[in-house]
Amino acid sequence: MLPRVLRCRNTRNALAMKKSRHSKKYGEVLRVLREARNEAGLTQAQVAKKFGAHASFISKCESGERRIDIVELAEFCRHYRITLADFLRRAGLE
């Protein structure tokens, strides 16, 4: 039995505590996003400059704090010189 501090009064709250903010698949997208940037030899600051944004924008995208949409993903791919199709394949989303 869980210690009193960790017990929830109902199972719905217990399940919510165990849920991940992002799916495993999105986690793979983030992993490949970081890998692609590193393989392109770019820093977060350099990528941010290409986007016309602050480095914190790139950091938040790569960490999952900020979700990216398909248009932004295509732009990341263009900057990293990888096709969107190759990116999705590497992330296991072919």
PDB file of N, CA and C in Angstrom:
ATOM      1  N   MET A   1       0.849  -1.188   0.000  1.00  0.00           N
ATOM      2  CA  MET A   1       0.000   0.000   0.000  1.00  0.00           C
ATOM      3  C   MET A   1       0.890   1.245   0.000  1.00  0.00           C
ATOM      4  N   LEU A   2       0.446   2.272  -0.726  1.00  0.00           N
ATOM      5  CA  LEU A   2       1.201   3.514  -0.802  1.00  0.00           C
ATOM      6  C   LEU A   2       1.152   4.268   0.516  1.00  0.00           C
ATOM      7  N   PRO A   3       2.209   5.006   0.831  1.00  0.00           N
ATOM      8  CA  PRO A   3       2.154   5.863   2.021  1.00  0.00           C
ATOM      9  C   PRO A   3       0.986   6.828   1.901  1.00  0.00           C
ATOM     10  N   ARG A   4       0.480   7.258   3.001  1.00  0.00           N
ATOM     11  CA  ARG A   4      -0.703   8.119   3.039  1.00  0.00           C
ATOM     12  C   ARG A   4      -0.553   9.361   2.153  1.00  0.00           C
ATOM     13  N   VAL A   5       0.619   9.926   2.105  1.00  0.00           N
ATOM     14  CA  VAL A   5       0.858  11.148   1.335  1.00  0.00           C
ATOM     15  C   VAL A   5       0.667  10.907  -0.163  1.00  0.00           C
ATOM     16  N   LEU A   6       0.969   9.697  -0.644  1.00  0.00           N
ATOM     17  CA  LEU A   6       0.908   9.424  -2.076  1.00  0.00           C
ATOM     18  C   LEU A   6      -0.423   8.856  -2.540  1.00  0.00           C
ATOM     19  N   ARG A   7      -1.299   8.483  -1.603  1.00  0.00           N
ATOM     20  CA  ARG A   7      -2.580   7.907  -1.979  1.00  0.00           C
ATOM     21  C   ARG A   7      -3.532   8.962  -2.520  1.00  0.00           C
ATOM     22  N   CYS A   8      -4.295   8.603  -3.529  1.00  0.00           N
ATOM     23  CA  CYS A   8      -5.321   9.483  -4.071  1.00  0.00           C
ATOM     24  C   CYS A   8      -6.678   8.978  -3.625  1.00  0.00           C
ATOM     25  N   ARG A   9      -7.609   9.872  -3.529  1.00  0.00           N
ATOM     26  CA  ARG A   9      -8.941   9.471  -3.080  1.00  0.00           C
ATOM     27  C   ARG A   9      -9.716   8.733  -4.153  1.00  0.00           C
ATOM     28  N   ASN A  10      -9.403   9.004  -5.403  1.00  0.00           N
ATOM     29  CA  ASN A  10     -10.091   8.237  -6.451  1.00  0.00           C
ATOM     30  C   ASN A  10      -9.092   7.862  -7.533  1.00  0.00           C
ATOM     31  N   THR A  11      -9.433   6.825  -8.258  1.00  0.00           N
ATOM     32  CA  THR A  11      -8.497   6.308  -9.264  1.00  0.00           C
ATOM     33  C   THR A  11      -8.329   7.249 -10.436  1.00  0.00           C
ATOM     34  N   ARG A  12      -9.304   8.074 -10.693  1.00  0.00           N
ATOM     35  CA  ARG A  12      -9.189   9.023 -11.803  1.00  0.00           C
ATOM     36  C   ARG A  12      -8.000   9.955 -11.577  1.00  0.00           C
ATOM     37  N   ASN A  13      -7.852  10.479 -10.380  1.00  0.00           N
ATOM     38  CA  ASN A  13      -6.704  11.340 -10.062  1.00  0.00           C
ATOM     39  C   ASN A  13      -5.405  10.556 -10.097  1.00  0.00           C
ATOM     40  N   ALA A  14      -5.445   9.308  -9.667  1.00  0.00           N
ATOM     41  CA  ALA A  14      -4.232   8.482  -9.682  1.00  0.00           C
ATOM     42  C   ALA A  14      -3.755   8.271 -11.107  1.00  0.00           C
ATOM     43  N   LEU A  15      -4.679   8.028 -12.023  1.00  0.00           N
ATOM     44  CA  LEU A  15      -4.305   7.840 -13.418  1.00  0.00           C
ATOM     45  C   LEU A  15      -3.784   9.129 -14.024  1.00  0.00           C
ATOM     46  N   ALA A  16      -4.354  10.251 -13.663  1.00  0.00           N
ATOM     47  CA  ALA A  16      -3.901  11.535 -14.191  1.00  0.00           C
ATOM     48  C   ALA A  16      -2.471  11.824 -13.754  1.00  0.00           C
ATOM     49  N   MET A  17      -2.100  11.409 -12.558  1.00  0.00           N
ATOM     50  CA  MET A  17      -0.745  11.659 -12.070  1.00  0.00           C
ATOM     51  C   MET A  17       0.276  10.848 -12.862  1.00  0.00           C
ATOM     52  N   LYS A  18      -0.106   9.669 -13.354  1.00  0.00           N
ATOM     53  CA  LYS A  18       0.820   8.797 -14.059  1.00  0.00           C
ATOM     54  C   LYS A  18       0.956   9.178 -15.533  1.00  0.00           C
ATOM     55  N   LYS A  19      -0.002   9.912 -16.073  1.00  0.00           N
ATOM     56  CA  LYS A  19      -0.019  10.252 -17.486  1.00  0.00           C
ATOM     57  C   LYS A  19       1.144  11.163 -17.851  1.00  0.00           C
ATOM     58  N   SER A  20       1.739  10.889 -18.979  1.00  0.00           N
ATOM     59  CA  SER A  20       2.799  11.735 -19.503  1.00  0.00           C
ATOM     60  C   SER A  20       2.176  12.921 -20.220  1.00  0.00           C
ATOM     61  N   ARG A  21       2.875  14.030 -20.215  1.00  0.00           N
ATOM     62  CA  ARG A  21       2.375  15.215 -20.907  1.00  0.00           C
ATOM     63  C   ARG A  21       2.371  14.986 -22.411  1.00  0.00           C
ATOM     64  N   HIS A  22       3.343  14.257 -22.900  1.00  0.00           N
ATOM     65  CA  HIS A  22       3.437  13.984 -24.331  1.00  0.00           C
ATOM     66  C   HIS A  22       3.521  12.483 -24.564  1.00  0.00           C
ATOM     67  N   SER A  23       3.071  12.082 -25.717  1.00  0.00           N
ATOM     68  CA  SER A  23       3.139  10.671 -26.068  1.00  0.00           C
ATOM     69  C   SER A  23       4.576  10.258 -26.345  1.00  0.00           C
ATOM     70  N   LYS A  24       4.803   8.954 -26.350  1.00  0.00           N
ATOM     71  CA  LYS A  24       6.131   8.432 -26.683  1.00  0.00           C
ATOM     72  C   LYS A  24       6.519   8.829 -28.095  1.00  0.00           C
ATOM     73  N   LYS A  25       5.548   8.854 -28.994  1.00  0.00           N
ATOM     74  CA  LYS A  25       5.834   9.220 -30.379  1.00  0.00           C
ATOM     75  C   LYS A  25       6.309  10.664 -30.466  1.00  0.00           C
ATOM     76  N   TYR A  26       5.673  11.559 -29.723  1.00  0.00           N
ATOM     77  CA  TYR A  26       6.112  12.955 -29.749  1.00  0.00           C
ATOM     78  C   TYR A  26       7.493  13.080 -29.119  1.00  0.00           C
ATOM     79  N   GLY A  27       7.776  12.251 -28.135  1.00  0.00           N
ATOM     80  CA  GLY A  27       9.112  12.222 -27.545  1.00  0.00           C
ATOM     81  C   GLY A  27      10.168  11.855 -28.575  1.00  0.00           C
ATOM     82  N   GLU A  28       9.827  10.939 -29.474  1.00  0.00           N
ATOM     83  CA  GLU A  28      10.744  10.571 -30.562  1.00  0.00           C
ATOM     84  C   GLU A  28      10.939  11.732 -31.524  1.00  0.00           C
ATOM     85  N   VAL A  29       9.877  12.474 -31.788  1.00  0.00           N
ATOM     86  CA  VAL A  29       9.991  13.659 -32.648  1.00  0.00           C
ATOM     87  C   VAL A  29      10.978  14.645 -32.025  1.00  0.00           C
ATOM     88  N   LEU A  30      10.869  14.859 -30.732  1.00  0.00           N
ATOM     89  CA  LEU A  30      11.774  15.799 -30.048  1.00  0.00           C
ATOM     90  C   LEU A  30      13.211  15.295 -30.076  1.00  0.00           C
ATOM     91  N   ARG A  31      13.392  13.993 -29.896  1.00  0.00           N
ATOM     92  CA  ARG A  31      14.741  13.421 -29.938  1.00  0.00           C
ATOM     93  C   ARG A  31      15.370  13.640 -31.309  1.00  0.00           C
ATOM     94  N   VAL A  32      14.611  13.358 -32.363  1.00  0.00           N
ATOM     95  CA  VAL A  32      15.126  13.522 -33.719  1.00  0.00           C
ATOM     96  C   VAL A  32      15.351  15.005 -34.022  1.00  0.00           C
ATOM     97  N   LEU A  33      14.510  15.877 -33.495  1.00  0.00           N
ATOM     98  CA  LEU A  33      14.681  17.314 -33.689  1.00  0.00           C
ATOM     99  C   LEU A  33      16.033  17.777 -33.133  1.00  0.00           C
ATOM    100  N   ARG A  34      16.357  17.324 -31.924  1.00  0.00           N
ATOM    101  CA  ARG A  34      17.657  17.688 -31.318  1.00  0.00           C
ATOM    102  C   ARG A  34      18.814  17.077 -32.099  1.00  0.00           C
ATOM    103  N   GLU A  35      18.662  15.808 -32.470  1.00  0.00           N
ATOM    104  CA  GLU A  35      19.714  15.131 -33.248  1.00  0.00           C
ATOM    105  C   GLU A  35      19.972  15.836 -34.578  1.00  0.00           C
ATOM    106  N   ALA A  36      18.908  16.202 -35.263  1.00  0.00           N
ATOM    107  CA  ALA A  36      19.043  16.843 -36.573  1.00  0.00           C
ATOM    108  C   ALA A  36      19.768  18.184 -36.443  1.00  0.00           C
ATOM    109  N   ARG A  37      19.462  18.935 -35.391  1.00  0.00           N
ATOM    110  CA  ARG A  37      20.153  20.212 -35.176  1.00  0.00           C
ATOM    111  C   ARG A  37      21.628  19.976 -34.941  1.00  0.00           C
ATOM    112  N   ASN A  38      21.935  19.006 -34.084  1.00  0.00           N
ATOM    113  CA  ASN A  38      23.342  18.705 -33.793  1.00  0.00           C
ATOM    114  C   ASN A  38      24.076  18.216 -35.033  1.00  0.00           C
ATOM    115  N   GLU A  39      23.429  17.366 -35.825  1.00  0.00           N
ATOM    116  CA  GLU A  39      24.043  16.851 -37.055  1.00  0.00           C
ATOM    117  C   GLU A  39      24.265  17.965 -38.072  1.00  0.00           C
ATOM    118  N   ALA A  40      23.410  18.993 -38.041  1.00  0.00           N
ATOM    119  CA  ALA A  40      23.578  20.131 -38.937  1.00  0.00           C
ATOM    120  C   ALA A  40      24.680  21.065 -38.436  1.00  0.00           C
ATOM    121  N   GLY A  41      25.183  20.803 -37.225  1.00  0.00           N
ATOM    122  CA  GLY A  41      26.251  21.620 -36.661  1.00  0.00           C
ATOM    123  C   GLY A  41      25.787  22.994 -36.212  1.00  0.00           C
ATOM    124  N   LEU A  42      24.529  23.086 -35.809  1.00  0.00           N
ATOM    125  CA  LEU A  42      23.968  24.370 -35.401  1.00  0.00           C
ATOM    126  C   LEU A  42      23.686  24.409 -33.908  1.00  0.00           C
ATOM    127  N   THR A  43      23.828  25.589 -33.321  1.00  0.00           N
ATOM    128  CA  THR A  43      23.445  25.798 -31.924  1.00  0.00           C
ATOM    129  C   THR A  43      21.992  26.260 -31.892  1.00  0.00           C
ATOM    130  N   GLN A  44      21.409  26.224 -30.718  1.00  0.00           N
ATOM    131  CA  GLN A  44      20.042  26.726 -30.585  1.00  0.00           C
ATOM    132  C   GLN A  44      19.979  28.203 -30.947  1.00  0.00           C
ATOM    133  N   ALA A  45      21.003  28.959 -30.593  1.00  0.00           N
ATOM    134  CA  ALA A  45      21.036  30.390 -30.908  1.00  0.00           C
ATOM    135  C   ALA A  45      21.078  30.618 -32.422  1.00  0.00           C
ATOM    136  N   GLN A  46      21.836  29.811 -33.126  1.00  0.00           N
ATOM    137  CA  GLN A  46      21.921  29.955 -34.583  1.00  0.00           C
ATOM    138  C   GLN A  46      20.586  29.631 -35.251  1.00  0.00           C
ATOM    139  N   VAL A  47      19.923  28.584 -34.765  1.00  0.00           N
ATOM    140  CA  VAL A  47      18.621  28.214 -35.323  1.00  0.00           C
ATOM    141  C   VAL A  47      17.597  29.304 -35.010  1.00  0.00           C
ATOM    142  N   ALA A  48      17.651  29.824 -33.795  1.00  0.00           N
ATOM    143  CA  ALA A  48      16.718  30.880 -33.398  1.00  0.00           C
ATOM    144  C   ALA A  48      16.859  32.092 -34.316  1.00  0.00           C
ATOM    145  N   LYS A  49      18.087  32.432 -34.662  1.00  0.00           N
ATOM    146  CA  LYS A  49      18.325  33.567 -35.558  1.00  0.00           C
ATOM    147  C   LYS A  49      17.672  33.324 -36.915  1.00  0.00           C
ATOM    148  N   LYS A  50      17.746  32.093 -37.414  1.00  0.00           N
ATOM    149  CA  LYS A  50      17.122  31.746 -38.696  1.00  0.00           C
ATOM    150  C   LYS A  50      15.599  31.888 -38.616  1.00  0.00           C
ATOM    151  N   PHE A  51      15.031  31.600 -37.433  1.00  0.00           N
ATOM    152  CA  PHE A  51      13.588  31.720 -37.216  1.00  0.00           C
ATOM    153  C   PHE A  51      13.177  33.153 -36.888  1.00  0.00           C
ATOM    154  N   GLY A  52      14.166  33.997 -36.550  1.00  0.00           N
ATOM    155  CA  GLY A  52      13.841  35.348 -36.097  1.00  0.00           C
ATOM    156  C   GLY A  52      13.250  35.326 -34.701  1.00  0.00           C
ATOM    157  N   ALA A  53      13.763  34.419 -33.878  1.00  0.00           N
ATOM    158  CA  ALA A  53      13.237  34.228 -32.524  1.00  0.00           C
ATOM    159  C   ALA A  53      14.386  34.192 -31.523  1.00  0.00           C
ATOM    160  N   HIS A  54      14.049  34.050 -30.254  1.00  0.00           N
ATOM    161  CA  HIS A  54      15.048  33.915 -29.194  1.00  0.00           C
ATOM    162  C   HIS A  54      15.448  32.444 -29.062  1.00  0.00           C
ATOM    163  N   ALA A  55      16.639  32.203 -28.516  1.00  0.00           N
ATOM    164  CA  ALA A  55      17.112  30.831 -28.309  1.00  0.00           C
ATOM    165  C   ALA A  55      16.158  30.062 -27.396  1.00  0.00           C
ATOM    166  N   SER A  56      15.484  30.751 -26.499  1.00  0.00           N
ATOM    167  CA  SER A  56      14.553  30.072 -25.593  1.00  0.00           C
ATOM    168  C   SER A  56      13.405  29.426 -26.373  1.00  0.00           C
ATOM    169  N   PHE A  57      13.043  29.994 -27.523  1.00  0.00           N
ATOM    170  CA  PHE A  57      12.004  29.399 -28.367  1.00  0.00           C
ATOM    171  C   PHE A  57      12.434  28.010 -28.819  1.00  0.00           C
ATOM    172  N   ILE A  58      13.678  27.885 -29.277  1.00  0.00           N
ATOM    173  CA  ILE A  58      14.199  26.598 -29.748  1.00  0.00           C
ATOM    174  C   ILE A  58      14.304  25.625 -28.585  1.00  0.00           C
ATOM    175  N   SER A  59      14.796  26.115 -27.470  1.00  0.00           N
ATOM    176  CA  SER A  59      14.923  25.280 -26.268  1.00  0.00           C
ATOM    177  C   SER A  59      13.570  24.723 -25.843  1.00  0.00           C
ATOM    178  N   LYS A  60      12.560  25.571 -25.842  1.00  0.00           N
ATOM    179  CA  LYS A  60      11.215  25.131 -25.435  1.00  0.00           C
ATOM    180  C   LYS A  60      10.632  24.132 -26.433  1.00  0.00           C
ATOM    181  N   CYS A  61      10.916  24.333 -27.713  1.00  0.00           N
ATOM    182  CA  CYS A  61      10.446  23.376 -28.729  1.00  0.00           C
ATOM    183  C   CYS A  61      11.119  22.025 -28.519  1.00  0.00           C
ATOM    184  N   GLU A  62      12.437  22.036 -28.331  1.00  0.00           N
ATOM    185  CA  GLU A  62      13.192  20.788 -28.195  1.00  0.00           C
ATOM    186  C   GLU A  62      12.884  20.045 -26.904  1.00  0.00           C
ATOM    187  N   SER A  63      12.508  20.765 -25.861  1.00  0.00           N
ATOM    188  CA  SER A  63      12.221  20.115 -24.577  1.00  0.00           C
ATOM    189  C   SER A  63      10.777  19.636 -24.475  1.00  0.00           C
ATOM    190  N   GLY A  64       9.930  20.099 -25.387  1.00  0.00           N
ATOM    191  CA  GLY A  64       8.520  19.718 -25.333  1.00  0.00           C
ATOM    192  C   GLY A  64       7.677  20.685 -24.540  1.00  0.00           C
ATOM    193  N   GLU A  65       8.307  21.726 -24.004  1.00  0.00           N
ATOM    194  CA  GLU A  65       7.547  22.734 -23.257  1.00  0.00           C
ATOM    195  C   GLU A  65       6.585  23.469 -24.192  1.00  0.00           C
ATOM    196  N   ARG A  66       7.001  23.608 -25.445  1.00  0.00           N
ATOM    197  CA  ARG A  66       6.167  24.222 -26.469  1.00  0.00           C
ATOM    198  C   ARG A  66       6.020  23.228 -27.614  1.00  0.00           C
ATOM    199  N   ARG A  67       4.795  22.895 -27.940  1.00  0.00           N
ATOM    200  CA  ARG A  67       4.559  21.954 -29.044  1.00  0.00           C
ATOM    201  C   ARG A  67       4.732  22.676 -30.369  1.00  0.00           C
ATOM    202  N   ILE A  68       5.278  21.962 -31.337  1.00  0.00           N
ATOM    203  CA  ILE A  68       5.473  22.569 -32.649  1.00  0.00           C
ATOM    204  C   ILE A  68       4.433  22.034 -33.624  1.00  0.00           C
ATOM    205  N   ASP A  69       4.033  22.886 -34.546  1.00  0.00           N
ATOM    206  CA  ASP A  69       3.061  22.444 -35.546  1.00  0.00           C
ATOM    207  C   ASP A  69       3.801  21.991 -36.797  1.00  0.00           C
ATOM    208  N   ILE A  70       3.066  21.502 -37.749  1.00  0.00           N
ATOM    209  CA  ILE A  70       3.659  20.911 -38.957  1.00  0.00           C
ATOM    210  C   ILE A  70       4.405  21.955 -39.778  1.00  0.00           C
ATOM    211  N   VAL A  71       3.928  23.187 -39.796  1.00  0.00           N
ATOM    212  CA  VAL A  71       4.593  24.250 -40.554  1.00  0.00           C
ATOM    213  C   VAL A  71       5.957  24.549 -39.926  1.00  0.00           C
ATOM    214  N   GLU A  72       6.000  24.619 -38.602  1.00  0.00           N
ATOM    215  CA  GLU A  72       7.274  24.852 -37.914  1.00  0.00           C
ATOM    216  C   GLU A  72       8.219  23.668 -38.106  1.00  0.00           C
ATOM    217  N   LEU A  73       7.678  22.446 -38.053  1.00  0.00           N
ATOM    218  CA  LEU A  73       8.515  21.270 -38.255  1.00  0.00           C
ATOM    219  C   LEU A  73       9.140  21.289 -39.645  1.00  0.00           C
ATOM    220  N   ALA A  74       8.363  21.670 -40.646  1.00  0.00           N
ATOM    221  CA  ALA A  74       8.895  21.765 -42.006  1.00  0.00           C
ATOM    222  C   ALA A  74      10.004  22.810 -42.078  1.00  0.00           C
ATOM    223  N   GLU A  75       9.846  23.905 -41.347  1.00  0.00           N
ATOM    224  CA  GLU A  75      10.879  24.942 -41.343  1.00  0.00           C
ATOM    225  C   GLU A  75      12.138  24.456 -40.629  1.00  0.00           C
ATOM    226  N   PHE A  76      11.971  23.749 -39.523  1.00  0.00           N
ATOM    227  CA  PHE A  76      13.138  23.156 -38.841  1.00  0.00           C
ATOM    228  C   PHE A  76      13.879  22.256 -39.828  1.00  0.00           C
ATOM    229  N   CYS A  77      13.134  21.404 -40.521  1.00  0.00           N
ATOM    230  CA  CYS A  77      13.748  20.472 -41.470  1.00  0.00           C
ATOM    231  C   CYS A  77      14.514  21.215 -42.559  1.00  0.00           C
ATOM    232  N   ARG A  78      13.946  22.288 -43.051  1.00  0.00           N
ATOM    233  CA  ARG A  78      14.615  23.070 -44.098  1.00  0.00           C
ATOM    234  C   ARG A  78      15.938  23.620 -43.581  1.00  0.00           C
ATOM    235  N   HIS A  79      15.939  24.144 -42.348  1.00  0.00           N
ATOM    236  CA  HIS A  79      17.161  24.692 -41.762  1.00  0.00           C
ATOM    237  C   HIS A  79      18.199  23.599 -41.496  1.00  0.00           C
ATOM    238  N   TYR A  80      17.723  22.388 -41.203  1.00  0.00           N
ATOM    239  CA  TYR A  80      18.630  21.281 -40.891  1.00  0.00           C
ATOM    240  C   TYR A  80      19.002  20.474 -42.134  1.00  0.00           C
ATOM    241  N   ARG A  81      18.473  20.878 -43.276  1.00  0.00           N
ATOM    242  CA  ARG A  81      18.743  20.214 -44.557  1.00  0.00           C
ATOM    243  C   ARG A  81      18.400  18.734 -44.531  1.00  0.00           C
ATOM    244  N   ILE A  82      17.202  18.461 -44.043  1.00  0.00           N
ATOM    245  CA  ILE A  82      16.653  17.108 -44.022  1.00  0.00           C
ATOM    246  C   ILE A  82      15.221  17.223 -44.536  1.00  0.00           C
ATOM    247  N   THR A  83      14.801  16.263 -45.338  1.00  0.00           N
ATOM    248  CA  THR A  83      13.418  16.328 -45.821  1.00  0.00           C
ATOM    249  C   THR A  83      12.471  15.984 -44.680  1.00  0.00           C
ATOM    250  N   LEU A  84      11.268  16.499 -44.781  1.00  0.00           N
ATOM    251  CA  LEU A  84      10.257  16.196 -43.777  1.00  0.00           C
ATOM    252  C   LEU A  84       9.984  14.699 -43.741  1.00  0.00           C
ATOM    253  N   ALA A  85       9.980  14.072 -44.905  1.00  0.00           N
ATOM    254  CA  ALA A  85       9.748  12.622 -44.981  1.00  0.00           C
ATOM    255  C   ALA A  85      10.853  11.858 -44.247  1.00  0.00           C
ATOM    256  N   ASP A  86      12.107  12.248 -44.453  1.00  0.00           N
ATOM    257  CA  ASP A  86      13.222  11.595 -43.752  1.00  0.00           C
ATOM    258  C   ASP A  86      13.136  11.824 -42.248  1.00  0.00           C
ATOM    259  N   PHE A  87      12.761  13.036 -41.863  1.00  0.00           N
ATOM    260  CA  PHE A  87      12.614  13.347 -40.438  1.00  0.00           C
ATOM    261  C   PHE A  87      11.574  12.419 -39.808  1.00  0.00           C
ATOM    262  N   LEU A  88      10.416  12.321 -40.437  1.00  0.00           N
ATOM    263  CA  LEU A  88       9.341  11.485 -39.892  1.00  0.00           C
ATOM    264  C   LEU A  88       9.722  10.016 -39.869  1.00  0.00           C
ATOM    265  N   ARG A  89      10.464   9.570 -40.877  1.00  0.00           N
ATOM    266  CA  ARG A  89      10.951   8.186 -40.908  1.00  0.00           C
ATOM    267  C   ARG A  89      11.864   7.930 -39.718  1.00  0.00           C
ATOM    268  N   ARG A  90      12.793   8.858 -39.482  1.00  0.00           N
ATOM    269  CA  ARG A  90      13.733   8.701 -38.354  1.00  0.00           C
ATOM    270  C   ARG A  90      12.997   8.698 -37.011  1.00  0.00           C
ATOM    271  N   ALA A  91      11.883   9.395 -36.939  1.00  0.00           N
ATOM    272  CA  ALA A  91      11.105   9.443 -35.701  1.00  0.00           C
ATOM    273  C   ALA A  91      10.153   8.250 -35.591  1.00  0.00           C
ATOM    274  N   GLY A  92      10.161   7.381 -36.610  1.00  0.00           N
ATOM    275  CA  GLY A  92       9.295   6.198 -36.583  1.00  0.00           C
ATOM    276  C   GLY A  92       7.857   6.491 -36.931  1.00  0.00           C
ATOM    277  N   LEU A  93       7.639   7.564 -37.697  1.00  0.00           N
ATOM    278  CA  LEU A  93       6.279   7.967 -38.046  1.00  0.00           C
ATOM    279  C   LEU A  93       5.999   7.878 -39.532  1.00  0.00           C
ATOM    280  N   GLU A  94       6.683   6.962 -40.218  1.00  0.00           N
ATOM    281  CA  GLU A  94       6.508   6.861 -41.676  1.00  0.00           C
ATOM    282  C   GLU A  94       5.168   6.371 -42.085  1.00  0.00           C
TER     283      GLU A  94
END
